[in-house]
Amino acid sequence: MVDAFIGDGDTIILEKTNKALNGEMVAAKINSENETTLKRIFIEGNNTRLQPENPLMDSMYFPSKDVSILGKVVAVWRYMPNR
């Protein structure tokens, strides 16, 4: 998630909620795939678009009933290894 300034070893801080505004970054569970992902969310009618920050990756589209919001990203705790 380099395009979201999230690197390997970083910790994501979530506000636990099941609601989000369009464009907010969320931890979303895709129920049919038993998978959780970190993406920007957009509700479009009866469907949900999960948009990666990386412009080279495609958006993911699901029926809204198949997507559960686990929380909104509120902070990133950066890991700074000793060099």
PDB file of N, CA and C in Angstrom:
ATOM      1  N   MET A   1       0.835  -1.195   0.000  1.00  0.00           N
ATOM      2  CA  MET A   1       0.000   0.000   0.000  1.00  0.00           C
ATOM      3  C   MET A   1       0.875   1.251   0.000  1.00  0.00           C
ATOM      4  N   VAL A   2       1.940   1.183  -0.753  1.00  0.00           N
ATOM      5  CA  VAL A   2       2.869   2.302  -0.822  1.00  0.00           C
ATOM      6  C   VAL A   2       2.157   3.586  -1.242  1.00  0.00           C
ATOM      7  N   ASP A   3       1.195   3.484  -2.157  1.00  0.00           N
ATOM      8  CA  ASP A   3       0.489   4.677  -2.625  1.00  0.00           C
ATOM      9  C   ASP A   3      -0.373   5.303  -1.539  1.00  0.00           C
ATOM     10  N   ALA A   4      -0.645   4.566  -0.457  1.00  0.00           N
ATOM     11  CA  ALA A   4      -1.390   5.096   0.688  1.00  0.00           C
ATOM     12  C   ALA A   4      -0.423   5.413   1.828  1.00  0.00           C
ATOM     13  N   PHE A   5       0.890   5.388   1.539  1.00  0.00           N
ATOM     14  CA  PHE A   5       1.931   5.653   2.528  1.00  0.00           C
ATOM     15  C   PHE A   5       1.873   4.656   3.676  1.00  0.00           C
ATOM     16  N   ILE A   6       1.545   3.405   3.361  1.00  0.00           N
ATOM     17  CA  ILE A   6       1.535   2.320   4.333  1.00  0.00           C
ATOM     18  C   ILE A   6       2.571   1.311   3.873  1.00  0.00           C
ATOM     19  N   GLY A   7       3.573   1.070   4.724  1.00  0.00           N
ATOM     20  CA  GLY A   7       4.656   0.181   4.340  1.00  0.00           C
ATOM     21  C   GLY A   7       4.669  -1.113   5.123  1.00  0.00           C
ATOM     22  N   ASP A   8       5.550  -2.031   4.711  1.00  0.00           N
ATOM     23  CA  ASP A   8       5.715  -3.292   5.430  1.00  0.00           C
ATOM     24  C   ASP A   8       6.099  -3.002   6.875  1.00  0.00           C
ATOM     25  N   GLY A   9       5.448  -3.681   7.802  1.00  0.00           N
ATOM     26  CA  GLY A   9       5.743  -3.516   9.220  1.00  0.00           C
ATOM     27  C   GLY A   9       4.938  -2.424   9.893  1.00  0.00           C
ATOM     28  N   ASP A  10       4.275  -1.561   9.122  1.00  0.00           N
ATOM     29  CA  ASP A  10       3.442  -0.511   9.714  1.00  0.00           C
ATOM     30  C   ASP A  10       2.202  -1.130  10.348  1.00  0.00           C
ATOM     31  N   THR A  11       1.664  -0.457  11.346  1.00  0.00           N
ATOM     32  CA  THR A  11       0.440  -0.891  12.009  1.00  0.00           C
ATOM     33  C   THR A  11      -0.673   0.079  11.650  1.00  0.00           C
ATOM     34  N   ILE A  12      -1.821  -0.457  11.262  1.00  0.00           N
ATOM     35  CA  ILE A  12      -2.979   0.356  10.895  1.00  0.00           C
ATOM     36  C   ILE A  12      -3.880   0.482  12.110  1.00  0.00           C
ATOM     37  N   ILE A  13      -4.272   1.704  12.447  1.00  0.00           N
ATOM     38  CA  ILE A  13      -5.190   1.954  13.557  1.00  0.00           C
ATOM     39  C   ILE A  13      -6.572   2.190  12.965  1.00  0.00           C
ATOM     40  N   LEU A  14      -7.545   1.390  13.417  1.00  0.00           N
ATOM     41  CA  LEU A  14      -8.915   1.479  12.915  1.00  0.00           C
ATOM     42  C   LEU A  14      -9.853   2.015  13.986  1.00  0.00           C
ATOM     43  N   GLU A  15     -10.847   2.774  13.548  1.00  0.00           N
ATOM     44  CA  GLU A  15     -11.991   3.103  14.389  1.00  0.00           C
ATOM     45  C   GLU A  15     -13.023   2.024  14.086  1.00  0.00           C
ATOM     46  N   LYS A  16     -13.373   1.239  15.095  1.00  0.00           N
ATOM     47  CA  LYS A  16     -14.324   0.148  14.871  1.00  0.00           C
ATOM     48  C   LYS A  16     -15.694   0.737  14.565  1.00  0.00           C
ATOM     49  N   THR A  17     -16.184   0.455  13.358  1.00  0.00           N
ATOM     50  CA  THR A  17     -17.487   0.933  12.908  1.00  0.00           C
ATOM     51  C   THR A  17     -17.927   0.075  11.734  1.00  0.00           C
ATOM     52  N   ASN A  18     -19.212   0.059  11.477  1.00  0.00           N
ATOM     53  CA  ASN A  18     -19.699  -0.671  10.304  1.00  0.00           C
ATOM     54  C   ASN A  18     -20.235   0.282   9.245  1.00  0.00           C
ATOM     55  N   LYS A  19     -19.908   1.585   9.388  1.00  0.00           N
ATOM     56  CA  LYS A  19     -20.348   2.590   8.419  1.00  0.00           C
ATOM     57  C   LYS A  19     -19.161   3.434   7.981  1.00  0.00           C
ATOM     58  N   ALA A  20     -19.226   3.904   6.738  1.00  0.00           N
ATOM     59  CA  ALA A  20     -18.172   4.773   6.218  1.00  0.00           C
ATOM     60  C   ALA A  20     -18.756   5.625   5.103  1.00  0.00           C
ATOM     61  N   LEU A  21     -18.153   6.772   4.900  1.00  0.00           N
ATOM     62  CA  LEU A  21     -18.534   7.650   3.797  1.00  0.00           C
ATOM     63  C   LEU A  21     -17.786   7.231   2.537  1.00  0.00           C
ATOM     64  N   ASN A  22     -18.371   7.522   1.391  1.00  0.00           N
ATOM     65  CA  ASN A  22     -17.692   7.239   0.128  1.00  0.00           C
ATOM     66  C   ASN A  22     -16.309   7.871   0.127  1.00  0.00           C
ATOM     67  N   GLY A  23     -15.321   7.091  -0.271  1.00  0.00           N
ATOM     68  CA  GLY A  23     -13.957   7.575  -0.371  1.00  0.00           C
ATOM     69  C   GLY A  23     -13.114   7.335   0.867  1.00  0.00           C
ATOM     70  N   GLU A  24     -13.730   6.917   1.973  1.00  0.00           N
ATOM     71  CA  GLU A  24     -12.943   6.648   3.173  1.00  0.00           C
ATOM     72  C   GLU A  24     -12.229   5.308   3.030  1.00  0.00           C
ATOM     73  N   MET A  25     -11.045   5.221   3.650  1.00  0.00           N
ATOM     74  CA  MET A  25     -10.299   3.971   3.629  1.00  0.00           C
ATOM     75  C   MET A  25     -10.793   3.101   4.778  1.00  0.00           C
ATOM     76  N   VAL A  26     -11.132   1.856   4.440  1.00  0.00           N
ATOM     77  CA  VAL A  26     -11.711   0.951   5.425  1.00  0.00           C
ATOM     78  C   VAL A  26     -11.046  -0.417   5.370  1.00  0.00           C
ATOM     79  N   ALA A  27     -11.200  -1.151   6.456  1.00  0.00           N
ATOM     80  CA  ALA A  27     -10.949  -2.585   6.446  1.00  0.00           C
ATOM     81  C   ALA A  27     -12.293  -3.209   6.129  1.00  0.00           C
ATOM     82  N   ALA A  28     -12.375  -3.902   5.006  1.00  0.00           N
ATOM     83  CA  ALA A  28     -13.639  -4.481   4.552  1.00  0.00           C
ATOM     84  C   ALA A  28     -13.484  -5.987   4.408  1.00  0.00           C
ATOM     85  N   LYS A  29     -14.475  -6.708   4.902  1.00  0.00           N
ATOM     86  CA  LYS A  29     -14.494  -8.164   4.750  1.00  0.00           C
ATOM     87  C   LYS A  29     -15.413  -8.513   3.595  1.00  0.00           C
ATOM     88  N   ILE A  30     -14.891  -9.299   2.657  1.00  0.00           N
ATOM     89  CA  ILE A  30     -15.707  -9.818   1.564  1.00  0.00           C
ATOM     90  C   ILE A  30     -16.207 -11.175   2.047  1.00  0.00           C
ATOM     91  N   ASN A  31     -17.468 -11.210   2.430  1.00  0.00           N
ATOM     92  CA  ASN A  31     -18.017 -12.382   3.115  1.00  0.00           C
ATOM     93  C   ASN A  31     -17.947 -13.652   2.279  1.00  0.00           C
ATOM     94  N   SER A  32     -18.254 -13.585   0.986  1.00  0.00           N
ATOM     95  CA  SER A  32     -18.276 -14.788   0.146  1.00  0.00           C
ATOM     96  C   SER A  32     -16.885 -15.381  -0.058  1.00  0.00           C
ATOM     97  N   GLU A  33     -15.846 -14.564   0.130  1.00  0.00           N
ATOM     98  CA  GLU A  33     -14.478 -15.031  -0.079  1.00  0.00           C
ATOM     99  C   GLU A  33     -13.728 -15.209   1.231  1.00  0.00           C
ATOM    100  N   ASN A  34     -14.389 -14.868   2.362  1.00  0.00           N
ATOM    101  CA  ASN A  34     -13.758 -14.932   3.678  1.00  0.00           C
ATOM    102  C   ASN A  34     -12.389 -14.245   3.653  1.00  0.00           C
ATOM    103  N   GLU A  35     -12.365 -13.054   3.077  1.00  0.00           N
ATOM    104  CA  GLU A  35     -11.138 -12.282   2.886  1.00  0.00           C
ATOM    105  C   GLU A  35     -11.364 -10.871   3.417  1.00  0.00           C
ATOM    106  N   THR A  36     -10.317 -10.301   4.008  1.00  0.00           N
ATOM    107  CA  THR A  36     -10.377  -8.917   4.477  1.00  0.00           C
ATOM    108  C   THR A  36      -9.338  -8.112   3.712  1.00  0.00           C
ATOM    109  N   THR A  37      -9.705  -6.880   3.346  1.00  0.00           N
ATOM    110  CA  THR A  37      -8.823  -6.040   2.548  1.00  0.00           C
ATOM    111  C   THR A  37      -8.903  -4.599   3.034  1.00  0.00           C
ATOM    112  N   LEU A  38      -7.882  -3.827   2.750  1.00  0.00           N
ATOM    113  CA  LEU A  38      -7.833  -2.410   3.090  1.00  0.00           C
ATOM    114  C   LEU A  38      -7.963  -1.622   1.793  1.00  0.00           C
ATOM    115  N   LYS A  39      -9.087  -0.920   1.625  1.00  0.00           N
ATOM    116  CA  LYS A  39      -9.357  -0.199   0.375  1.00  0.00           C
ATOM    117  C   LYS A  39     -10.230   1.020   0.660  1.00  0.00           C
ATOM    118  N   ARG A  40     -10.322   1.905  -0.323  1.00  0.00           N
ATOM    119  CA  ARG A  40     -11.303   2.999  -0.264  1.00  0.00           C
ATOM    120  C   ARG A  40     -12.644   2.426  -0.697  1.00  0.00           C
ATOM    121  N   ILE A  41     -13.711   2.847  -0.019  1.00  0.00           N
ATOM    122  CA  ILE A  41     -15.028   2.265  -0.272  1.00  0.00           C
ATOM    123  C   ILE A  41     -15.940   3.275  -0.951  1.00  0.00           C
ATOM    124  N   PHE A  42     -16.734   2.785  -1.878  1.00  0.00           N
ATOM    125  CA  PHE A  42     -17.735   3.606  -2.563  1.00  0.00           C
ATOM    126  C   PHE A  42     -19.001   2.771  -2.696  1.00  0.00           C
ATOM    127  N   ILE A  43     -20.102   3.263  -2.142  1.00  0.00           N
ATOM    128  CA  ILE A  43     -21.396   2.595  -2.274  1.00  0.00           C
ATOM    129  C   ILE A  43     -22.051   3.139  -3.535  1.00  0.00           C
ATOM    130  N   GLU A  44     -22.387   2.252  -4.456  1.00  0.00           N
ATOM    131  CA  GLU A  44     -22.955   2.632  -5.755  1.00  0.00           C
ATOM    132  C   GLU A  44     -24.232   1.831  -5.975  1.00  0.00           C
ATOM    133  N   GLY A  45     -25.351   2.388  -5.528  1.00  0.00           N
ATOM    134  CA  GLY A  45     -26.623   1.668  -5.620  1.00  0.00           C
ATOM    135  C   GLY A  45     -26.601   0.469  -4.693  1.00  0.00           C
ATOM    136  N   ASN A  46     -26.855  -0.712  -5.247  1.00  0.00           N
ATOM    137  CA  ASN A  46     -26.839  -1.946  -4.456  1.00  0.00           C
ATOM    138  C   ASN A  46     -25.477  -2.627  -4.458  1.00  0.00           C
ATOM    139  N   ASN A  47     -24.477  -1.948  -5.012  1.00  0.00           N
ATOM    140  CA  ASN A  47     -23.138  -2.525  -5.106  1.00  0.00           C
ATOM    141  C   ASN A  47     -22.130  -1.693  -4.333  1.00  0.00           C
ATOM    142  N   THR A  48     -21.036  -2.337  -3.986  1.00  0.00           N
ATOM    143  CA  THR A  48     -19.931  -1.671  -3.304  1.00  0.00           C
ATOM    144  C   THR A  48     -18.685  -1.810  -4.158  1.00  0.00           C
ATOM    145  N   ARG A  49     -18.013  -0.674  -4.367  1.00  0.00           N
ATOM    146  CA  ARG A  49     -16.728  -0.690  -5.083  1.00  0.00           C
ATOM    147  C   ARG A  49     -15.627  -0.508  -4.056  1.00  0.00           C
ATOM    148  N   LEU A  50     -14.662  -1.405  -4.057  1.00  0.00           N
ATOM    149  CA  LEU A  50     -13.482  -1.288  -3.213  1.00  0.00           C
ATOM    150  C   LEU A  50     -12.326  -0.888  -4.118  1.00  0.00           C
ATOM    151  N   GLN A  51     -11.811   0.323  -3.895  1.00  0.00           N
ATOM    152  CA  GLN A  51     -10.823   0.935  -4.783  1.00  0.00           C
ATOM    153  C   GLN A  51      -9.439   0.899  -4.139  1.00  0.00           C
ATOM    154  N   PRO A  52      -8.482   0.207  -4.755  1.00  0.00           N
ATOM    155  CA  PRO A  52      -7.118   0.231  -4.226  1.00  0.00           C
ATOM    156  C   PRO A  52      -6.471   1.592  -4.456  1.00  0.00           C
ATOM    157  N   GLU A  53      -5.500   1.916  -3.633  1.00  0.00           N
ATOM    158  CA  GLU A  53      -4.756   3.165  -3.813  1.00  0.00           C
ATOM    159  C   GLU A  53      -3.845   3.090  -5.034  1.00  0.00           C
ATOM    160  N   ASN A  54      -3.371   1.915  -5.350  1.00  0.00           N
ATOM    161  CA  ASN A  54      -2.480   1.720  -6.490  1.00  0.00           C
ATOM    162  C   ASN A  54      -3.275   1.888  -7.789  1.00  0.00           C
ATOM    163  N   PRO A  55      -2.957   2.900  -8.596  1.00  0.00           N
ATOM    164  CA  PRO A  55      -3.720   3.135  -9.823  1.00  0.00           C
ATOM    165  C   PRO A  55      -3.548   2.030 -10.873  1.00  0.00           C
ATOM    166  N   LEU A  56      -2.572   1.151 -10.696  1.00  0.00           N
ATOM    167  CA  LEU A  56      -2.367   0.052 -11.640  1.00  0.00           C
ATOM    168  C   LEU A  56      -3.250  -1.155 -11.335  1.00  0.00           C
ATOM    169  N   MET A  57      -3.901  -1.137 -10.173  1.00  0.00           N
ATOM    170  CA  MET A  57      -4.776  -2.248  -9.792  1.00  0.00           C
ATOM    171  C   MET A  57      -6.228  -1.894 -10.084  1.00  0.00           C
ATOM    172  N   ASP A  58      -7.015  -2.900 -10.436  1.00  0.00           N
ATOM    173  CA  ASP A  58      -8.432  -2.702 -10.742  1.00  0.00           C
ATOM    174  C   ASP A  58      -9.269  -2.612  -9.478  1.00  0.00           C
ATOM    175  N   SER A  59     -10.368  -1.881  -9.576  1.00  0.00           N
ATOM    176  CA  SER A  59     -11.350  -1.837  -8.495  1.00  0.00           C
ATOM    177  C   SER A  59     -12.001  -3.203  -8.369  1.00  0.00           C
ATOM    178  N   MET A  60     -12.521  -3.471  -7.177  1.00  0.00           N
ATOM    179  CA  MET A  60     -13.247  -4.707  -6.914  1.00  0.00           C
ATOM    180  C   MET A  60     -14.706  -4.330  -6.696  1.00  0.00           C
ATOM    181  N   TYR A  61     -15.629  -5.050  -7.325  1.00  0.00           N
ATOM    182  CA  TYR A  61     -17.064  -4.765  -7.220  1.00  0.00           C
ATOM    183  C   TYR A  61     -17.778  -5.962  -6.606  1.00  0.00           C
ATOM    184  N   PHE A  62     -18.664  -5.676  -5.633  1.00  0.00           N
ATOM    185  CA  PHE A  62     -19.416  -6.720  -4.942  1.00  0.00           C
ATOM    186  C   PHE A  62     -20.819  -6.226  -4.653  1.00  0.00           C
ATOM    187  N   PRO A  63     -21.788  -7.140  -4.533  1.00  0.00           N
ATOM    188  CA  PRO A  63     -23.087  -6.736  -3.999  1.00  0.00           C
ATOM    189  C   PRO A  63     -22.862  -6.210  -2.574  1.00  0.00           C
ATOM    190  N   SER A  64     -23.503  -5.112  -2.217  1.00  0.00           N
ATOM    191  CA  SER A  64     -23.270  -4.500  -0.903  1.00  0.00           C
ATOM    192  C   SER A  64     -23.522  -5.465   0.243  1.00  0.00           C
ATOM    193  N   LYS A  65     -24.471  -6.388   0.078  1.00  0.00           N
ATOM    194  CA  LYS A  65     -24.766  -7.348   1.149  1.00  0.00           C
ATOM    195  C   LYS A  65     -23.607  -8.316   1.382  1.00  0.00           C
ATOM    196  N   ASP A  66     -22.652  -8.376   0.455  1.00  0.00           N
ATOM    197  CA  ASP A  66     -21.510  -9.275   0.570  1.00  0.00           C
ATOM    198  C   ASP A  66     -20.289  -8.603   1.197  1.00  0.00           C
ATOM    199  N   VAL A  67     -20.392  -7.306   1.537  1.00  0.00           N
ATOM    200  CA  VAL A  67     -19.258  -6.564   2.086  1.00  0.00           C
ATOM    201  C   VAL A  67     -19.607  -6.077   3.488  1.00  0.00           C
ATOM    202  N   SER A  68     -18.737  -6.392   4.446  1.00  0.00           N
ATOM    203  CA  SER A  68     -18.903  -5.904   5.819  1.00  0.00           C
ATOM    204  C   SER A  68     -17.757  -4.958   6.138  1.00  0.00           C
ATOM    205  N   ILE A  69     -18.084  -3.757   6.597  1.00  0.00           N
ATOM    206  CA  ILE A  69     -17.058  -2.806   7.027  1.00  0.00           C
ATOM    207  C   ILE A  69     -16.673  -3.165   8.456  1.00  0.00           C
ATOM    208  N   LEU A  70     -15.383  -3.398   8.687  1.00  0.00           N
ATOM    209  CA  LEU A  70     -14.891  -3.737  10.022  1.00  0.00           C
ATOM    210  C   LEU A  70     -14.424  -2.500  10.770  1.00  0.00           C
ATOM    211  N   GLY A  71     -13.988  -1.475  10.028  1.00  0.00           N
ATOM    212  CA  GLY A  71     -13.523  -0.245  10.653  1.00  0.00           C
ATOM    213  C   GLY A  71     -12.952   0.711   9.628  1.00  0.00           C
ATOM    214  N   LYS A  72     -12.812   1.985  10.055  1.00  0.00           N
ATOM    215  CA  LYS A  72     -12.221   3.028   9.208  1.00  0.00           C
ATOM    216  C   LYS A  72     -10.783   3.269   9.655  1.00  0.00           C
ATOM    217  N   VAL A  73      -9.904   3.494   8.699  1.00  0.00           N
ATOM    218  CA  VAL A  73      -8.510   3.803   9.010  1.00  0.00           C
ATOM    219  C   VAL A  73      -8.448   5.220   9.576  1.00  0.00           C
ATOM    220  N   VAL A  74      -7.851   5.347  10.763  1.00  0.00           N
ATOM    221  CA  VAL A  74      -7.706   6.668  11.378  1.00  0.00           C
ATOM    222  C   VAL A  74      -6.244   7.063  11.552  1.00  0.00           C
ATOM    223  N   ALA A  75      -5.330   6.072  11.491  1.00  0.00           N
ATOM    224  CA  ALA A  75      -3.914   6.396  11.661  1.00  0.00           C
ATOM    225  C   ALA A  75      -3.057   5.236  11.169  1.00  0.00           C
ATOM    226  N   VAL A  76      -1.803   5.565  10.884  1.00  0.00           N
ATOM    227  CA  VAL A  76      -0.806   4.558  10.536  1.00  0.00           C
ATOM    228  C   VAL A  76       0.362   4.738  11.493  1.00  0.00           C
ATOM    229  N   TRP A  77       0.730   3.677  12.160  1.00  0.00           N
ATOM    230  CA  TRP A  77       1.869   3.693  13.070  1.00  0.00           C
ATOM    231  C   TRP A  77       3.055   3.153  12.290  1.00  0.00           C
ATOM    232  N   ARG A  78       4.014   4.034  12.028  1.00  0.00           N
ATOM    233  CA  ARG A  78       5.145   3.707  11.163  1.00  0.00           C
ATOM    234  C   ARG A  78       6.212   2.930  11.921  1.00  0.00           C
ATOM    235  N   TYR A  79       6.664   1.840  11.336  1.00  0.00           N
ATOM    236  CA  TYR A  79       7.759   1.047  11.877  1.00  0.00           C
ATOM    237  C   TYR A  79       9.066   1.627  11.362  1.00  0.00           C
ATOM    238  N   MET A  80       9.985   1.947  12.274  1.00  0.00           N
ATOM    239  CA  MET A  80      11.275   2.528  11.902  1.00  0.00           C
ATOM    240  C   MET A  80      12.386   1.620  12.426  1.00  0.00           C
ATOM    241  N   PRO A  81      12.838   0.665  11.615  1.00  0.00           N
ATOM    242  CA  PRO A  81      13.883  -0.255  12.089  1.00  0.00           C
ATOM    243  C   PRO A  81      15.197   0.486  12.314  1.00  0.00           C
ATOM    244  N   ASN A  82      15.986  -0.031  13.254  1.00  0.00           N
ATOM    245  CA  ASN A  82      17.319   0.546  13.484  1.00  0.00           C
ATOM    246  C   ASN A  82      18.180   0.264  12.268  1.00  0.00           C
ATOM    247  N   ARG A  83      18.921   1.238  11.856  1.00  0.00           N
ATOM    248  CA  ARG A  83      19.771   1.064  10.669  1.00  0.00           C
ATOM    249  C   ARG A  83      21.211   1.205  11.045  1.00  0.00           C
TER     250      ARG A  83
END
